[in-house]
């Protein structure tokens, strides 16, 4: 009898928590930045130059140039890599 009550309680609590998509209310906090992208990049580089932030793999990487490859080239490389490593990949 106790196991039935326990199972019912677990199922009821699981269903109750499943509806709570944002339990901490993060969706209510909408951040609006007053700084431009260029000023943020300048601040980042200044902090890295002063040694306040790590550089390289551990640091933030900002992409300043768009990719030189087309979407089709990247998809072809991904398919080729998936074939090479025996993975099943659905790449558009």
Protein backbone atom coordinates (compact mmCIF):
# COMPACT_ATOMS: atom_id res chain seq x y z
CA UNK A 1 0.00 0.00 0.00
CA UNK A 2 2.84 2.37 0.85
CA UNK A 3 4.49 1.73 -2.52
CA UNK A 4 1.29 2.67 -4.37
CA UNK A 5 0.98 5.92 -2.43
CA UNK A 6 4.67 6.67 -3.02
CA UNK A 7 4.36 5.99 -6.76
CA UNK A 8 1.28 8.22 -7.00
CA UNK A 9 3.09 11.01 -5.14
CA UNK A 10 6.12 10.77 -7.43
CA UNK A 11 3.96 10.87 -10.54
CA UNK A 12 1.92 13.79 -9.27
CA UNK A 13 4.98 15.82 -8.28
CA UNK A 14 6.70 15.05 -11.58
CA UNK A 15 3.71 16.31 -13.52
CA UNK A 16 3.55 19.44 -11.38
CA UNK A 17 7.23 20.26 -11.97
CA UNK A 18 7.08 19.48 -15.68
CA UNK A 19 4.84 22.50 -16.32
CA UNK A 20 7.25 24.90 -14.64
CA UNK A 21 9.39 25.86 -17.63
CA UNK A 22 11.10 28.81 -15.95
CA UNK A 23 11.25 28.05 -12.21
CA UNK A 24 13.69 30.91 -11.45
CA UNK A 25 11.89 33.60 -13.44
CA UNK A 26 14.73 34.25 -15.90
CA UNK A 27 12.27 34.98 -18.72
CA UNK A 28 11.06 38.01 -16.79
CA UNK A 29 14.54 39.54 -16.83
CA UNK A 30 15.08 41.15 -20.22
CA UNK A 31 18.53 42.67 -20.55
CA UNK A 32 18.98 45.74 -22.73
CA UNK A 33 22.57 46.76 -23.32
CA UNK A 34 23.47 50.41 -23.73
CA UNK A 35 26.96 49.58 -25.07
CA UNK A 36 27.66 49.00 -28.73
CA UNK A 37 29.32 45.83 -30.01
CA UNK A 38 32.49 47.77 -30.88
CA UNK A 39 32.80 49.18 -27.35
CA UNK A 40 32.30 45.73 -25.81
CA UNK A 41 35.05 44.29 -28.04
CA UNK A 42 37.34 47.19 -27.10
CA UNK A 43 36.65 46.61 -23.39
CA UNK A 44 37.36 42.89 -23.81
CA UNK A 45 40.69 43.52 -25.54
CA UNK A 46 41.68 46.08 -22.90
CA UNK A 47 40.88 43.63 -20.10
CA UNK A 48 42.86 40.88 -21.84
CA UNK A 49 45.81 43.24 -22.34
CA UNK A 50 45.80 44.04 -18.61
CA UNK A 51 45.73 40.32 -17.80
CA UNK A 52 42.28 40.44 -16.22
CA UNK A 53 40.85 37.81 -18.58
CA UNK A 54 42.50 34.70 -19.99
CA UNK A 55 43.40 34.66 -23.64
CA UNK A 56 43.19 31.79 -26.08
CA UNK A 57 41.08 28.71 -25.57
CA UNK A 58 39.80 29.64 -22.12
CA UNK A 59 38.94 33.21 -23.04
CA UNK A 60 36.09 34.66 -25.04
CA UNK A 61 36.49 34.34 -28.78
CA UNK A 62 34.98 37.12 -30.84
CA UNK A 63 34.54 36.45 -34.55
CA UNK A 64 35.32 39.63 -36.41
CA UNK A 65 35.19 38.20 -39.94
CA UNK A 66 32.39 36.21 -41.49
CA UNK A 67 33.13 32.70 -42.71
CA UNK A 68 34.71 32.40 -46.13
CA UNK A 69 32.99 29.08 -46.83
CA UNK A 70 29.48 28.71 -48.14
CA UNK A 71 26.81 26.74 -46.31
CA UNK A 72 27.01 24.01 -48.97
CA UNK A 73 30.79 23.63 -48.47
CA UNK A 74 30.41 23.31 -44.70
CA UNK A 75 27.58 20.77 -45.09
CA UNK A 76 29.69 18.73 -47.55
CA UNK A 77 32.62 18.71 -45.10
CA UNK A 78 30.33 17.59 -42.29
CA UNK A 79 28.89 14.76 -44.40
CA UNK A 80 32.38 13.65 -45.41
CA UNK A 81 33.54 13.71 -41.78
CA UNK A 82 30.47 11.75 -40.67
CA UNK A 83 31.15 9.14 -43.36
CA UNK A 84 34.80 8.95 -42.34
CA UNK A 85 34.01 8.36 -38.68
CA UNK A 86 31.03 6.08 -39.34
CA UNK A 87 28.46 8.41 -37.83
CA UNK A 88 24.96 8.85 -39.13
CA UNK A 89 24.33 12.50 -39.73
CA UNK A 90 21.43 14.33 -41.33
CA UNK A 91 23.00 17.53 -42.61
CA UNK A 92 21.20 19.91 -44.90
